[in-house]
Amino acid sequence: MRYVRPNSLTWWAGLLAMLTGIASLALPATGPFAELSRLVALLAGSGDASPAGLMFLGLGLIGLRDRIERGFRRDA
């Protein structure tokens, strides 16, 4: 599994963006998870970014990190 790199900061940023997008879709605004939903809204920029945009950003960061790493290994 070459995409899972827990030592990479880019991987963690991508994972956080993906999880924020998924959580903003799944969590209700009211009820027992209301506080958690407000935290996710803060992380997402209070509605400035769409959940799908955050998920694609996360996947893009993870894929970009892998591609750059493979490209540098070939050139060296």
Protein backbone atom coordinates (compact mmCIF):
# COMPACT_ATOMS: atom_id res chain seq x y z
CA MET A 1 0.00 0.00 0.00
CA ARG A 2 2.14 2.81 -1.28
CA TYR A 3 -0.46 5.52 -0.58
CA VAL A 4 -0.53 4.99 3.19
CA ARG A 5 2.43 6.94 4.57
CA PRO A 6 1.79 7.97 8.19
CA ASN A 7 5.23 9.63 8.39
CA SER A 8 4.28 12.17 5.71
CA LEU A 9 2.80 15.53 6.66
CA THR A 10 1.11 15.78 3.26
CA TRP A 11 -0.57 12.43 3.85
CA TRP A 12 -1.94 13.65 7.20
CA ALA A 13 -3.17 16.93 5.64
CA GLY A 14 -4.93 14.97 2.91
CA LEU A 15 -6.45 12.56 5.41
CA LEU A 16 -7.71 15.43 7.58
CA ALA A 17 -9.27 17.15 4.55
CA MET A 18 -10.96 13.91 3.50
CA LEU A 19 -12.27 13.19 7.00
CA THR A 20 -13.53 16.76 7.39
CA GLY A 21 -15.47 16.46 4.14
CA ILE A 22 -16.95 13.11 5.11
CA ALA A 23 -17.86 14.34 8.60
CA SER A 24 -19.53 17.48 7.26
CA LEU A 25 -21.73 15.27 5.10
CA ALA A 26 -22.53 12.71 7.79
CA LEU A 27 -22.98 14.75 10.98
CA PRO A 28 -26.36 16.36 11.69
CA ALA A 29 -26.46 20.03 12.76
CA THR A 30 -28.71 19.27 15.73
CA GLY A 31 -28.96 16.57 18.33
CA PRO A 32 -26.29 14.90 20.45
CA PHE A 33 -23.55 15.52 17.86
CA ALA A 34 -24.22 19.25 17.48
CA GLU A 35 -20.95 20.32 19.16
CA LEU A 36 -18.93 17.93 17.01
CA SER A 37 -20.75 19.25 13.94
CA ARG A 38 -19.76 22.82 14.89
CA LEU A 39 -16.13 21.76 15.22
CA VAL A 40 -16.23 20.16 11.78
CA ALA A 41 -17.79 23.34 10.36
CA LEU A 42 -14.92 25.33 11.88
CA LEU A 43 -12.37 22.98 10.32
CA ALA A 44 -14.14 23.20 6.95
CA GLY A 45 -14.10 26.99 7.00
CA SER A 46 -17.73 27.41 8.10
CA GLY A 47 -19.21 26.42 4.77
CA ASP A 48 -16.67 27.99 2.41
CA ALA A 49 -15.60 24.59 1.09
CA SER A 50 -18.01 21.93 -0.09
CA PRO A 51 -17.72 18.44 1.39
CA ALA A 52 -16.97 16.99 -2.05
CA GLY A 53 -14.27 19.61 -2.60
CA LEU A 54 -12.62 18.71 0.69
CA MET A 55 -12.68 15.00 -0.12
CA PHE A 56 -11.16 15.57 -3.57
CA LEU A 57 -8.54 17.88 -2.07
CA GLY A 58 -7.56 15.18 0.41
CA LEU A 59 -7.32 12.49 -2.24
CA GLY A 60 -5.35 14.86 -4.47
CA LEU A 61 -2.84 15.64 -1.76
CA ILE A 62 -2.28 11.97 -1.02
CA GLY A 63 -1.88 11.13 -4.71
CA LEU A 64 0.35 14.13 -5.39
CA ARG A 65 2.65 13.21 -2.53
CA ASP A 66 3.00 9.69 -3.89
CA ARG A 67 3.67 10.90 -7.43
CA ILE A 68 6.32 13.40 -6.38
CA GLU A 69 8.03 10.78 -4.23
CA ARG A 70 8.12 8.27 -7.09
CA GLY A 71 9.33 10.93 -9.51
CA PHE A 72 12.24 11.93 -7.28
CA ARG A 73 13.28 8.32 -6.77
CA ARG A 74 13.48 7.67 -10.53
CA ASP A 75 15.56 10.78 -11.23
CA ALA A 76 18.06 10.09 -8.46
